[in-house]
C-alpha atoms as a PDB file:
ATOM      1  CA  MET A   1      70.601  73.635  20.764  1.00  0.00           C
ATOM      2  CA  ALA A   2      72.150  75.437  18.051  1.00  0.00           C
ATOM      3  CA  LYS A   3      69.920  76.410  15.211  1.00  0.00           C
ATOM      4  CA  ASN A   4      72.266  74.730  12.342  1.00  0.00           C
ATOM      5  CA  ILE A   5      75.126  72.792  11.703  1.00  0.00           C
ATOM      6  CA  ALA A   6      77.486  76.366  11.412  1.00  0.00           C
ATOM      7  CA  GLU A   7      76.701  77.535  14.385  1.00  0.00           C
ATOM      8  CA  ASP A   8      76.916  73.965  15.981  1.00  0.00           C
ATOM      9  CA  ILE A   9      80.532  73.646  14.810  1.00  0.00           C
ATOM     10  CA  ALA A  10      81.532  77.264  16.080  1.00  0.00           C
ATOM     11  CA  THR A  11      80.561  76.750  19.360  1.00  0.00           C
ATOM     12  CA  PHE A  12      82.676  73.181  19.201  1.00  0.00           C
ATOM     13  CA  LEU A  13      85.707  75.168  17.722  1.00  0.00           C
ATOM     14  CA  LEU A  14      85.352  78.184  20.463  1.00  0.00           C
ATOM     15  CA  MET A  15      85.356  74.899  23.357  1.00  0.00           C
ATOM     16  CA  HIS A  16      87.734  73.278  21.782  1.00  0.00           C
ATOM     17  CA  ARG A  17      89.971  76.275  22.272  1.00  0.00           C
ATOM     18  CA  HIS A  18      89.186  76.566  25.963  1.00  0.00           C
ATOM     19  CA  TYR A  19      90.557  72.542  26.313  1.00  0.00           C
ATOM     20  CA  LEU A  20      93.886  73.450  24.370  1.00  0.00           C
ATOM     21  CA  HIS A  21      94.493  76.428  26.867  1.00  0.00           C
ATOM     22  CA  ARG A  22      94.068  73.619  29.648  1.00  0.00           C
ATOM     23  CA  LEU A  23      96.367  71.676  27.659  1.00  0.00           C
ATOM     24  CA  GLU A  24      98.992  74.235  27.318  1.00  0.00           C
ATOM     25  CA  THR A  25      98.910  74.946  31.442  1.00  0.00           C
ATOM     26  CA  GLY A  26     100.416  71.238  31.856  1.00  0.00           C
ATOM     27  CA  GLU A  27     103.201  71.336  28.879  1.00  0.00           C
ATOM     28  CA  LEU A  28     104.140  74.569  29.872  1.00  0.00           C
ATOM     29  CA  ARG A  29     105.288  73.091  33.469  1.00  0.00           C
ATOM     30  CA  LYS A  30     107.525  70.510  30.941  1.00  0.00           C
ATOM     31  CA  LEU A  31     108.989  73.034  29.238  1.00  0.00           C
ATOM     32  CA  ILE A  32     110.364  74.706  32.122  1.00  0.00           C
ATOM     33  CA  GLU A  33     111.286  71.867  34.002  1.00  0.00           C
ATOM     34  CA  PRO A  34     114.894  71.753  32.016  1.00  0.00           C
ATOM     35  CA  TYR A  35     115.478  75.001  32.736  1.00  0.00           C
ATOM     36  CA  ARG A  36     114.771  74.159  36.645  1.00  0.00           C
ATOM     37  CA  ARG A  37     117.546  71.225  36.820  1.00  0.00           C
ATOM     38  CA  ALA A  38     119.526  73.772  34.756  1.00  0.00           C
ATOM     39  CA  LYS A  39     119.270  76.543  37.781  1.00  0.00           C
ATOM     40  CA  ARG A  40     120.435  73.730  40.432  1.00  0.00           C
ATOM     41  CA  GLU A  41     123.522  72.627  38.340  1.00  0.00           C
ATOM     42  CA  ILE A  42     124.930  76.455  38.089  1.00  0.00           C
ATOM     43  CA  PHE A  43     123.744  77.222  41.870  1.00  0.00           C
ATOM     44  CA  ASN A  44     126.096  73.932  42.473  1.00  0.00           C
ATOM     45  CA  THR A  45     128.951  75.129  40.504  1.00  0.00           C
ATOM     46  CA  ILE A  46     128.572  78.349  42.035  1.00  0.00           C
ATOM     47  CA  VAL A  47     129.207  76.440  45.722  1.00  0.00           C
ATOM     48  CA  ARG A  48     132.422  75.233  44.127  1.00  0.00           C
ATOM     49  CA  LEU A  49     133.723  78.240  43.035  1.00  0.00           C
ATOM     50  CA  GLU A  50     133.219  80.186  45.884  1.00  0.00           C
ATOM     51  CA  ALA A  51     135.128  77.403  48.035  1.00  0.00           C
ATOM     52  CA  LEU A  52     138.142  78.093  45.946  1.00  0.00           C
ATOM     53  CA  PRO A  53     140.596  80.134  47.880  1.00  0.00           C
ATOM     54  CA  GLY A  54     142.280  83.575  46.098  1.00  0.00           C
ATOM     55  CA  PRO A  55     141.995  87.454  45.902  1.00  0.00           C
ATOM     56  CA  LEU A  56     139.515  89.458  43.717  1.00  0.00           C
ATOM     57  CA  ASN A  57     140.746  88.751  40.751  1.00  0.00           C
ATOM     58  CA  TYR A  58     140.504  85.210  40.827  1.00  0.00           C
ATOM     59  CA  GLN A  59     137.060  85.735  41.876  1.00  0.00           C
ATOM     60  CA  ILE A  60     136.450  87.415  38.242  1.00  0.00           C
ATOM     61  CA  HIS A  61     138.188  84.467  36.690  1.00  0.00           C
ATOM     62  CA  SER A  62     135.973  82.148  38.662  1.00  0.00           C
ATOM     63  CA  LEU A  63     132.832  84.218  37.304  1.00  0.00           C
ATOM     64  CA  ARG A  64     134.168  83.870  34.011  1.00  0.00           C
ATOM     65  CA  MET A  65     134.069  80.430  34.105  1.00  0.00           C
ATOM     66  CA  LEU A  66     130.925  80.267  35.438  1.00  0.00           C
ATOM     67  CA  LEU A  67     128.952  82.335  32.900  1.00  0.00           C
ATOM     68  CA  SER A  68     130.953  79.833  30.311  1.00  0.00           C
ATOM     69  CA  GLU A  69     128.991  76.977  32.388  1.00  0.00           C
ATOM     70  CA  VAL A  70     125.692  78.655  32.797  1.00  0.00           C
ATOM     71  CA  GLU A  71     126.106  78.563  29.168  1.00  0.00           C
ATOM     72  CA  SER A  72     126.635  75.328  28.532  1.00  0.00           C
ATOM     73  CA  VAL A  73     123.905  73.471  30.980  1.00  0.00           C
ATOM     74  CA  LEU A  74     121.494  76.434  29.675  1.00  0.00           C
ATOM     75  CA  ALA A  75     122.086  74.153  26.215  1.00  0.00           C
ATOM     76  CA  ILE A  76     121.515  71.018  27.464  1.00  0.00           C
ATOM     77  CA  ALA A  77     118.319  71.883  29.302  1.00  0.00           C
ATOM     78  CA  ALA A  78     117.082  73.514  25.387  1.00  0.00           C
ATOM     79  CA  PHE A  79     117.724  70.199  23.680  1.00  0.00           C
ATOM     80  CA  GLU A  80     115.761  68.056  26.934  1.00  0.00           C
ATOM     81  CA  GLY A  81     112.929  71.060  26.563  1.00  0.00           C
ATOM     82  CA  SER A  82     112.958  70.692  22.730  1.00  0.00           C
ATOM     83  CA  GLY A  83     112.828  67.031  22.894  1.00  0.00           C
ATOM     84  CA  GLU A  84     109.695  66.859  25.227  1.00  0.00           C
ATOM     85  CA  PHE A  85     107.369  69.982  23.385  1.00  0.00           C
ATOM     86  CA  GLU A  86     108.682  67.587  20.062  1.00  0.00           C
ATOM     87  CA  ARG A  87     106.658  64.540  21.962  1.00  0.00           C
ATOM     88  CA  VAL A  88     103.810  66.107  22.957  1.00  0.00           C
ATOM     89  CA  ARG A  89     103.750  67.866  19.570  1.00  0.00           C
ATOM     90  CA  ALA A  90     103.673  64.961  17.371  1.00  0.00           C
ATOM     91  CA  GLN A  91     101.092  63.104  20.518  1.00  0.00           C
ATOM     92  CA  LEU A  92      98.746  66.210  19.841  1.00  0.00           C
ATOM     93  CA  VAL A  93      98.845  65.897  15.773  1.00  0.00           C
ATOM     94  CA  ALA A  94      97.356  62.728  15.936  1.00  0.00           C
ATOM     95  CA  SER A  95      94.976  63.581  18.993  1.00  0.00           C
ATOM     96  CA  GLU A  96      93.480  66.292  17.174  1.00  0.00           C
ATOM     97  CA  ALA A  97      92.929  64.122  13.803  1.00  0.00           C
ATOM     98  CA  THR A  98      90.845  61.974  16.066  1.00  0.00           C
ATOM     99  CA  THR A  99      89.023  64.547  17.811  1.00  0.00           C
ATOM    100  CA  TYR A 100      87.834  66.587  14.639  1.00  0.00           C
ATOM    101  CA  TYR A 101      86.933  63.372  12.624  1.00  0.00           C
ATOM    102  CA  GLY A 102      84.483  62.377  15.673  1.00  0.00           C
ATOM    103  CA  PHE A 103      82.713  65.185  15.893  1.00  0.00           C
ATOM    104  CA  PHE A 104      82.440  65.895  12.073  1.00  0.00           C
ATOM    105  CA  ALA A 105      81.570  62.679  11.337  1.00  0.00           C
ATOM    106  CA  ALA A 106      78.645  61.986  13.723  1.00  0.00           C
ATOM    107  CA  LYS A 107      77.156  65.473  12.727  1.00  0.00           C
ATOM    108  CA  PHE A 108      76.988  64.098   9.426  1.00  0.00           C
ATOM    109  CA  ALA A 109      76.098  60.645   9.716  1.00  0.00           C
ATOM    110  CA  ARG A 110      72.904  62.114  10.399  1.00  0.00           C
ATOM    111  CA  ILE A 111      71.689  62.967   6.765  1.00  0.00           C
ATOM    112  CA  GLY A 112      74.326  60.306   5.490  1.00  0.00           C
ATOM    113  CA  ILE A 113      77.275  61.849   4.560  1.00  0.00           C
ATOM    114  CA  GLN A 114      80.342  60.398   4.950  1.00  0.00           C
ATOM    115  CA  MET A 115      83.466  62.343   5.840  1.00  0.00           C
ATOM    116  CA  ALA A 116      86.916  61.651   4.953  1.00  0.00           C
ATOM    117  CA  ILE A 117      89.762  60.515   7.792  1.00  0.00           C
ATOM    118  CA  ILE A 118      93.250  62.504   7.115  1.00  0.00           C
ATOM    119  CA  PRO A 119      95.737  60.143   5.628  1.00  0.00           C
ATOM    120  CA  LEU A 120      98.578  59.319   7.802  1.00  0.00           C
ATOM    121  CA  GLU A 121     101.532  60.616   5.662  1.00  0.00           C
ATOM    122  CA  HIS A 122      99.693  64.136   5.272  1.00  0.00           C
ATOM    123  CA  LEU A 123      99.667  63.273   9.288  1.00  0.00           C
ATOM    124  CA  GLU A 124     103.292  62.801   9.387  1.00  0.00           C
ATOM    125  CA  MET A 125     104.008  65.734   7.074  1.00  0.00           C
ATOM    126  CA  LEU A 126     102.177  67.993   9.580  1.00  0.00           C
ATOM    127  CA  ILE A 127     104.348  66.357  12.861  1.00  0.00           C
ATOM    128  CA  ASP A 128     107.358  67.128  10.544  1.00  0.00           C
ATOM    129  CA  THR A 129     106.479  70.559   9.876  1.00  0.00           C
ATOM    130  CA  PRO A 130     107.569  72.948  12.489  1.00  0.00           C
ATOM    131  CA  LEU A 131     106.222  76.558  13.151  1.00  0.00           C
ATOM    132  CA  LEU A 132     107.606  79.182  10.939  1.00  0.00           C
ATOM    133  CA  GLY A 133     110.022  76.922  10.051  1.00  0.00           C
ATOM    134  CA  GLU A 134     111.661  76.868  12.662  1.00  0.00           C
ATOM    135  CA  THR A 135     112.329  74.028  15.633  1.00  0.00           C
ATOM    136  CA  ILE A 136     111.202  74.518  19.335  1.00  0.00           C
ATOM    137  CA  GLY A 137     114.931  74.347  20.424  1.00  0.00           C
ATOM    138  CA  GLU A 138     115.657  77.463  18.162  1.00  0.00           C
ATOM    139  CA  LYS A 139     113.130  79.233  19.798  1.00  0.00           C
ATOM    140  CA  MET A 140     113.432  78.215  23.263  1.00  0.00           C
ATOM    141  CA  LEU A 141     114.617  81.267  25.207  1.00  0.00           C
ATOM    142  CA  TRP A 142     117.170  79.504  26.885  1.00  0.00           C
ATOM    143  CA  GLY A 143     118.807  78.278  24.140  1.00  0.00           C
ATOM    144  CA  ASN A 144     118.877  82.210  22.762  1.00  0.00           C
ATOM    145  CA  ALA A 145     121.473  84.555  23.357  1.00  0.00           C
ATOM    146  CA  GLN A 146     119.925  86.787  24.778  1.00  0.00           C
ATOM    147  CA  ALA A 147     118.726  84.161  27.925  1.00  0.00           C
ATOM    148  CA  VAL A 148     122.763  84.275  27.939  1.00  0.00           C
ATOM    149  CA  LYS A 149     123.138  87.598  28.054  1.00  0.00           C
ATOM    150  CA  LEU A 150     120.027  88.389  31.036  1.00  0.00           C
ATOM    151  CA  MET A 151     122.003  85.793  33.379  1.00  0.00           C
ATOM    152  CA  ARG A 152     125.244  87.406  32.673  1.00  0.00           C
ATOM    153  CA  GLN A 153     123.890  90.845  34.083  1.00  0.00           C
ATOM    154  CA  GLU A 154     122.387  89.538  36.781  1.00  0.00           C
ATOM    155  CA  LEU A 155     125.582  87.509  37.653  1.00  0.00           C
ATOM    156  CA  SER A 156     127.874  90.271  37.128  1.00  0.00           C
ATOM    157  CA  GLN A 157     126.145  93.453  38.859  1.00  0.00           C
ATOM    158  CA  ALA A 158     126.018  90.598  42.052  1.00  0.00           C
ATOM    159  CA  ILE A 159     129.586  90.772  42.092  1.00  0.00           C
ATOM    160  CA  ILE A 160     130.005  94.893  41.165  1.00  0.00           C
ATOM    161  CA  GLN A 161     127.699  95.202  44.125  1.00  0.00           C
ATOM    162  CA  GLY A 162     130.285  93.201  45.745  1.00  0.00           C
ATOM    163  CA  GLU A 163     127.131  90.548  47.228  1.00  0.00           C
ATOM    164  CA  GLY A 164     129.250  87.907  46.328  1.00  0.00           C
ATOM    165  CA  ILE A 165     128.574  84.368  43.944  1.00  0.00           C
ATOM    166  CA  PRO A 166     126.212  82.715  46.685  1.00  0.00           C
ATOM    167  CA  LEU A 167     123.871  85.726  46.295  1.00  0.00           C
ATOM    168  CA  ALA A 168     124.400  85.841  42.405  1.00  0.00           C
ATOM    169  CA  ALA A 169     123.059  82.292  43.043  1.00  0.00           C
ATOM    170  CA  LYS A 170     119.841  83.675  44.829  1.00  0.00           C
ATOM    171  CA  ARG A 171     119.444  85.824  41.516  1.00  0.00           C
ATOM    172  CA  LEU A 172     118.805  82.476  39.540  1.00  0.00           C
ATOM    173  CA  ILE A 173     117.489  80.070  42.405  1.00  0.00           C
ATOM    174  CA  ASN A 174     115.090  81.893  43.619  1.00  0.00           C
ATOM    175  CA  PRO A 175     114.487  85.666  42.932  1.00  0.00           C
ATOM    176  CA  VAL A 176     111.436  86.354  44.242  1.00  0.00           C
ATOM    177  CA  SER A 177     112.183  85.833  47.864  1.00  0.00           C
ATOM    178  CA  THR A 178     115.747  87.487  47.905  1.00  0.00           C
ATOM    179  CA  GLY A 179     113.561  90.330  46.819  1.00  0.00           C
ATOM    180  CA  LEU A 180     115.881  90.669  43.511  1.00  0.00           C
ATOM    181  CA  THR A 181     115.225  91.657  39.931  1.00  0.00           C
ATOM    182  CA  GLY A 182     115.267  88.039  38.869  1.00  0.00           C
ATOM    183  CA  SER A 183     114.998  89.623  35.061  1.00  0.00           C
ATOM    184  CA  ALA A 184     116.030  86.163  33.171  1.00  0.00           C
ATOM    185  CA  GLU A 185     114.023  84.024  35.582  1.00  0.00           C
ATOM    186  CA  ARG A 186     110.737  86.368  34.400  1.00  0.00           C
ATOM    187  CA  VAL A 187     111.574  86.297  30.781  1.00  0.00           C
ATOM    188  CA  ILE A 188     112.091  82.629  30.011  1.00  0.00           C
ATOM    189  CA  ALA A 189     108.683  81.799  31.934  1.00  0.00           C
ATOM    190  CA  ARG A 190     107.055  84.588  29.444  1.00  0.00           C
ATOM    191  CA  ARG A 191     108.696  83.305  26.621  1.00  0.00           C
ATOM    192  CA  ALA A 192     107.903  79.674  27.383  1.00  0.00           C
ATOM    193  CA  THR A 193     104.453  80.321  27.801  1.00  0.00           C
ATOM    194  CA  MET A 194     104.320  82.301  24.540  1.00  0.00           C
ATOM    195  CA  ILE A 195     105.710  78.888  23.080  1.00  0.00           C
ATOM    196  CA  ALA A 196     103.401  76.451  24.458  1.00  0.00           C
ATOM    197  CA  ARG A 197     100.422  78.317  23.879  1.00  0.00           C
ATOM    198  CA  THR A 198     101.193  79.641  19.913  1.00  0.00           C
ATOM    199  CA  GLU A 199     102.517  75.872  19.274  1.00  0.00           C
ATOM    200  CA  LEU A 200      99.490  74.138  20.760  1.00  0.00           C
ATOM    201  CA  LEU A 201      97.124  76.162  18.580  1.00  0.00           C
ATOM    202  CA  ASP A 202      99.675  75.892  15.387  1.00  0.00           C
ATOM    203  CA  VAL A 203      99.283  72.420  15.494  1.00  0.00           C
ATOM    204  CA  SER A 204      95.680  72.630  15.853  1.00  0.00           C
ATOM    205  CA  ASN A 205      95.048  74.796  13.367  1.00  0.00           C
ATOM    206  CA  LYS A 206      97.107  72.801  10.988  1.00  0.00           C
ATOM    207  CA  VAL A 207      95.001  69.546  11.535  1.00  0.00           C
ATOM    208  CA  LEU A 208      92.236  71.487  11.103  1.00  0.00           C
ATOM    209  CA  GLY A 209      93.216  72.855   7.626  1.00  0.00           C
ATOM    210  CA  ALA A 210      94.023  69.622   6.773  1.00  0.00           C
ATOM    211  CA  TYR A 211      90.934  67.924   7.418  1.00  0.00           C
ATOM    212  CA  TYR A 212      88.938  70.756   5.460  1.00  0.00           C
ATOM    213  CA  LYS A 213      90.738  70.387   2.426  1.00  0.00           C
ATOM    214  CA  GLU A 214      90.170  66.363   2.505  1.00  0.00           C
ATOM    215  CA  ASN A 215      86.622  67.098   2.552  1.00  0.00           C
ATOM    216  CA  ASP A 216      86.301  69.933   0.508  1.00  0.00           C
ATOM    217  CA  ASP A 217      83.431  68.267  -1.269  1.00  0.00           C
ATOM    218  CA  ILE A 218      81.292  69.212   1.765  1.00  0.00           C
ATOM    219  CA  ILE A 219      83.126  72.028   2.993  1.00  0.00           C
ATOM    220  CA  GLU A 220      81.888  75.555   0.799  1.00  0.00           C
ATOM    221  CA  SER A 221      83.796  78.003   2.977  1.00  0.00           C
ATOM    222  CA  VAL A 222      86.021  79.159   5.935  1.00  0.00           C
ATOM    223  CA  GLU A 223      84.616  82.101   8.116  1.00  0.00           C
ATOM    224  CA  TYR A 224      88.027  83.660  10.423  1.00  0.00           C
ATOM    225  CA  MET A 225      86.565  83.674  13.987  1.00  0.00           C
ATOM    226  CA  ALA A 226      88.850  86.095  16.548  1.00  0.00           C
ATOM    227  CA  THR A 227      87.682  85.573  20.304  1.00  0.00           C
ATOM    228  CA  LEU A 228      85.991  88.591  21.582  1.00  0.00           C
ATOM    229  CA  ASP A 229      87.688  90.219  24.581  1.00  0.00           C
ATOM    230  CA  LYS A 230      90.407  92.861  25.146  1.00  0.00           C
ATOM    231  CA  ARG A 231      93.639  90.552  24.597  1.00  0.00           C
ATOM    232  CA  THR A 232      92.597  90.130  20.934  1.00  0.00           C
ATOM    233  CA  CYS A 233      95.052  92.210  18.697  1.00  0.00           C
ATOM    234  CA  LEU A 234      93.851  94.849  16.102  1.00  0.00           C
ATOM    235  CA  VAL A 235      95.319  92.940  13.643  1.00  0.00           C
ATOM    236  CA  CYS A 236      92.983  89.992  14.225  1.00  0.00           C
ATOM    237  CA  ALA A 237      90.094  91.807  15.301  1.00  0.00           C
ATOM    238  CA  PRO A 238      88.875  93.555  11.841  1.00  0.00           C
ATOM    239  CA  LEU A 239      88.974  89.929  10.020  1.00  0.00           C
ATOM    240  CA  ASP A 240      86.677  88.353  12.417  1.00  0.00           C
ATOM    241  CA  GLY A 241      83.546  86.790  10.420  1.00  0.00           C
ATOM    242  CA  THR A 242      85.517  87.588   6.823  1.00  0.00           C
ATOM    243  CA  ILE A 243      84.256  84.470   4.436  1.00  0.00           C
ATOM    244  CA  PHE A 244      87.020  82.945   2.795  1.00  0.00           C
ATOM    245  CA  LYS A 245      86.009  80.347  -0.286  1.00  0.00           C
ATOM    246  CA  LEU A 246      87.918  77.026  -0.635  1.00  0.00           C
ATOM    247  CA  VAL A 247      89.243  76.122  -4.109  1.00  0.00           C
ATOM    248  CA  ASN A 248      90.555  73.020  -4.878  1.00  0.00           C
ATOM    249  CA  GLY A 249      91.071  72.862  -0.437  1.00  0.00           C
ATOM    250  CA  GLU A 250      92.474  75.869   0.013  1.00  0.00           C
ATOM    251  CA  HIS A 251      91.678  79.360   0.631  1.00  0.00           C
ATOM    252  CA  LYS A 252      93.362  82.977   0.415  1.00  0.00           C
ATOM    253  CA  GLY A 253      92.805  84.069   4.424  1.00  0.00           C
ATOM    254  CA  PRO A 254      95.746  84.832   6.208  1.00  0.00           C
ATOM    255  CA  ARG A 255      97.637  81.737   8.347  1.00  0.00           C
ATOM    256  CA  VAL A 256      96.954  81.346  11.636  1.00  0.00           C
ATOM    257  CA  PRO A 257      98.468  81.828  14.034  1.00  0.00           C
ATOM    258  CA  GLN A 258      98.861  85.021  12.488  1.00  0.00           C
ATOM    259  CA  HIS A 259     101.582  85.900  15.051  1.00  0.00           C
ATOM    260  CA  PRO A 260     102.768  84.289  18.697  1.00  0.00           C
ATOM    261  CA  GLN A 261      99.646  84.080  21.107  1.00  0.00           C
ATOM    262  CA  CYS A 262      97.124  84.434  18.205  1.00  0.00           C
ATOM    263  CA  ARG A 263      94.236  82.453  19.244  1.00  0.00           C
ATOM    264  CA  CYS A 264      92.134  82.715  15.949  1.00  0.00           C
ATOM    265  CA  ILE A 265      90.262  79.936  13.902  1.00  0.00           C
ATOM    266  CA  TYR A 266      88.786  79.446  11.212  1.00  0.00           C
ATOM    267  CA  ALA A 267      85.258  77.845  11.194  1.00  0.00           C
ATOM    268  CA  PRO A 268      83.973  75.869   8.221  1.00  0.00           C
ATOM    269  CA  ARG A 269      80.974  76.851   5.938  1.00  0.00           C
ATOM    270  CA  THR A 270      79.229  73.716   4.679  1.00  0.00           C
ATOM    271  CA  TYR A 271      76.993  73.191   1.862  1.00  0.00           C
ATOM    272  CA  SER A 272      73.483  73.141   2.384  1.00  0.00           C
ATOM    273  CA  TRP A 273      71.862  69.132   2.153  1.00  0.00           C
ATOM    274  CA  GLU A 274      70.415  70.312  -1.016  1.00  0.00           C
ATOM    275  CA  ASP A 275      73.781  71.063  -2.474  1.00  0.00           C
ATOM    276  CA  LEU A 276      75.111  67.644  -0.918  1.00  0.00           C
ATOM    277  CA  GLY A 277      72.550  65.618  -2.970  1.00  0.00           C
ATOM    278  CA  VAL A 278      70.492  65.136   0.276  1.00  0.00           C
ATOM    279  CA  ASP A 279      66.978  63.737  -1.036  1.00  0.00           C
ATOM    280  CA  PRO A 280      64.703  66.216   1.552  1.00  0.00           C
ATOM    281  CA  ALA A 281      62.296  62.984   2.109  1.00  0.00           C
ATOM    282  CA  VAL A 282      64.437  61.125   4.229  1.00  0.00           C
ATOM    283  CA  LEU A 283      65.150  63.657   6.647  1.00  0.00           C
ATOM    284  CA  ASP A 284      62.661  64.829   9.402  1.00  0.00           C
ATOM    285  CA  ASP A 285      61.743  68.390  10.531  1.00  0.00           C
ATOM    286  CA  SER A 286      64.746  68.871  12.659  1.00  0.00           C
ATOM    287  CA  ASP A 287      67.502  67.833  10.303  1.00  0.00           C
ATOM    288  CA  LYS A 288      66.108  70.013   7.296  1.00  0.00           C
ATOM    289  CA  SER A 289      66.006  72.910   9.537  1.00  0.00           C
ATOM    290  CA  TYR A 290      69.870  71.761  11.164  1.00  0.00           C
ATOM    291  CA  PHE A 291      70.865  71.528   7.475  1.00  0.00           C
ATOM    292  CA  GLY A 292      68.895  73.579   5.638  1.00  0.00           C
ATOM    293  CA  ARG A 293      70.349  76.971   5.022  1.00  0.00           C
ATOM    294  CA  GLN A 294      70.182  78.564   1.622  1.00  0.00           C
ATOM    295  CA  LYS A 295      73.883  78.194  -0.318  1.00  0.00           C
ATOM    296  CA  GLY A 296      75.928  81.407   0.506  1.00  0.00           C
ATOM    297  CA  LYS A 297      73.628  82.455   3.548  1.00  0.00           C
ATOM    298  CA  ILE A 298      75.986  82.891   7.009  1.00  0.00           C
ATOM    299  CA  PHE A 299      74.401  81.778  10.182  1.00  0.00           C
ATOM    300  CA  GLU A 300      73.850  85.251  12.178  1.00  0.00           C
ATOM    301  CA  ARG A 301      76.853  85.182  15.326  1.00  0.00           C
ATOM    302  CA  ARG A 302      77.866  88.336  17.081  1.00  0.00           C
ATOM    303  CA  LEU A 303      80.905  89.709  15.672  1.00  0.00           C
ATOM    304  CA  TYR A 304      83.834  91.398  17.462  1.00  0.00           C
ATOM    305  CA  GLN A 305      82.836  95.058  15.844  1.00  0.00           C
ATOM    306  CA  ASP A 306      79.561  94.221  17.394  1.00  0.00           C
ATOM    307  CA  TRP A 307      81.253  93.276  20.932  1.00  0.00           C
ATOM    308  CA  LEU A 308      83.018  96.785  20.328  1.00  0.00           C
ATOM    309  CA  LYS A 309      80.234  98.870  19.696  1.00  0.00           C
ATOM    310  CA  ASP A 310      78.836  97.427  23.083  1.00  0.00           C
ATOM    311  CA  MET A 311      81.805  98.227  24.802  1.00  0.00           C
ATOM    312  CA  ASP A 312      81.911 101.630  23.742  1.00  0.00           C
ATOM    313  CA  ILE A 313      78.895 101.927  25.294  1.00  0.00           C
ATOM    314  CA  SER A 314      79.873 100.640  28.727  1.00  0.00           C
ATOM    315  CA  ASN A 315      84.032 101.361  28.493  1.00  0.00           C
ATOM    316  CA  PRO A 316      84.901 104.041  25.913  1.00  0.00           C
ATOM    317  CA  LYS A 317      88.237 104.580  27.635  1.00  0.00           C
ATOM    318  CA  PHE A 318      88.968 100.887  26.827  1.00  0.00           C
ATOM    319  CA  VAL A 319      87.841 101.565  23.143  1.00  0.00           C
ATOM    320  CA  LYS A 320      89.796 104.728  22.906  1.00  0.00           C
ATOM    321  CA  ASP A 321      92.978 103.153  24.320  1.00  0.00           C
ATOM    322  CA  PHE A 322      92.511 100.041  22.065  1.00  0.00           C
ATOM    323  CA  LEU A 323      91.903 102.048  18.397  1.00  0.00           C
ATOM    324  CA  GLY A 324      94.076 105.120  19.669  1.00  0.00           C
ATOM    325  CA  THR A 325      92.619 108.470  19.757  1.00  0.00           C
ATOM    326  CA  LYS A 326      92.660 109.106  16.030  1.00  0.00           C
ATOM    327  CA  ARG A 327      91.536 105.966  14.747  1.00  0.00           C
ATOM    328  CA  TYR A 328      88.794 106.324  17.245  1.00  0.00           C
ATOM    329  CA  SER A 329      87.504 109.367  16.259  1.00  0.00           C
ATOM    330  CA  LEU A 330      87.133 108.288  12.367  1.00  0.00           C
ATOM    331  CA  TRP A 331      85.754 104.826  13.331  1.00  0.00           C
ATOM    332  CA  LYS A 332      82.685 106.607  15.744  1.00  0.00           C
ATOM    333  CA  SER A 333      82.212 109.221  12.849  1.00  0.00           C
ATOM    334  CA  GLY A 334      81.513 106.377  10.044  1.00  0.00           C
ATOM    335  CA  LYS A 335      84.228 107.898   8.189  1.00  0.00           C
ATOM    336  CA  VAL A 336      86.572 104.328   8.742  1.00  0.00           C
ATOM    337  CA  LYS A 337      85.000 100.625   8.571  1.00  0.00           C
ATOM    338  CA  PHE A 338      86.506  98.561  11.898  1.00  0.00           C
ATOM    339  CA  ASN A 339      87.149  96.118   8.900  1.00  0.00           C
ATOM    340  CA  GLU A 340      89.422  98.429   6.950  1.00  0.00           C
ATOM    341  CA  MET A 341      91.734  99.342  10.139  1.00  0.00           C
ATOM    342  CA  ALA A 342      94.011  96.490   8.756  1.00  0.00           C
ATOM    343  CA  LYS A 343      95.551  94.944   5.927  1.00  0.00           C
ATOM    344  CA  ASP A 344      97.466  91.679   5.047  1.00  0.00           C
ATOM    345  CA  GLY A 345      98.256  91.147   8.651  1.00  0.00           C
ATOM    346  CA  LYS A 346      99.120  94.545   9.109  1.00  0.00           C
ATOM    347  CA  VAL A 347      97.529  97.782  10.999  1.00  0.00           C
ATOM    348  CA  LEU A 348      97.239 100.417   8.712  1.00  0.00           C
ATOM    349  CA  THR A 349      98.633 103.831   9.513  1.00  0.00           C
ATOM    350  CA  LEU A 350      96.908 106.984  10.110  1.00  0.00           C
ATOM    351  CA  LYS A 351      98.305 108.582   6.966  1.00  0.00           C
ATOM    352  CA  GLN A 352      96.898 105.244   5.526  1.00  0.00           C
ATOM    353  CA  LEU A 353      93.262 105.453   6.693  1.00  0.00           C
ATOM    354  CA  GLU A 354      93.078 109.236   6.213  1.00  0.00           C
ATOM    355  CA  THR A 355      94.294 108.990   2.311  1.00  0.00           C
ATOM    356  CA  LYS A 356      91.524 106.349   2.138  1.00  0.00           C
ATOM    357  CA  VAL A 357      88.937 109.022   3.881  1.00  0.00           C
ATOM    358  CA  ARG A 358      89.810 111.747   1.311  1.00  0.00           C
ATOM    359  CA  SER A 359      89.608 108.994  -1.791  1.00  0.00           C
ATOM    360  CA  PHE A 360      86.004 108.328  -0.534  1.00  0.00           C
ATOM    361  CA  SER A 361      85.269 111.935   0.117  1.00  0.00           C
END
């Protein structure tokens, strides 16, 4: 049983992130499917071209025709993938709004506090606002010039090495079984994973932020929460535990996700039941303890800086690799605090850190 509502909320949000990760796995398959269909079309085109008679210069001409068709097929795949993911995104907005409202409403109903639902027009605005001002299709690698460039390299190398167009097709269709590089395949899959993960968390964070804004008479501030593991970056980790007060439903903390595949989130800090005007006489002892924190007092949880100190005991090599030798030395000596290593979404350079040390020495 959680000690208070803040701890309960934080636990719920972290568990919800795991749910979104599982959802992402399914959506990734939907993203990749248009590309798989495109590869089949490309393969069929290669087979047709190979059947045509003619000297080597005609084969080169055929390859150029093929590369042109690659671009058009991949453009279709990008459109199809974008449309599928936009539908998922719209469904997720509605689902997240229901999920968050259900959790918070159930918690605060215990002491007679009514939570507000996000207005429908607000949800529609969230659906129409793409991540970082770009549509999914614009960010899809198979709609990007880089994808075509990689495929040109794969196909051209096959011809230059005398492998022939059929083997070039295998590079695209099944590079693993052929033992070939398959760089386009790997890069596209990696890019799709990044887009899926970042987009789903972005939608969830937007809905959660809208919920906080709609209920700022109950939510006093938000706390930045980073994931305690080796994948968390040096931009996000120092912010873990930082409190940002809500003013008219807004706060001055960095926008999350801060970067592709960022897993950070803001957990709400509610007013105490005294602040909310709840009569203590109507509460039982468990509710008094659950909602009864003093104003401004934040519940204790393990922060990234504490986790890093423990890691330094069990695996100092990881910490040195994570911080870098010089940053590690400054941190270990106590000259620079961990939460001072990044500012405004950027990791401070060694020169900036050393200047900071000299200014306080």
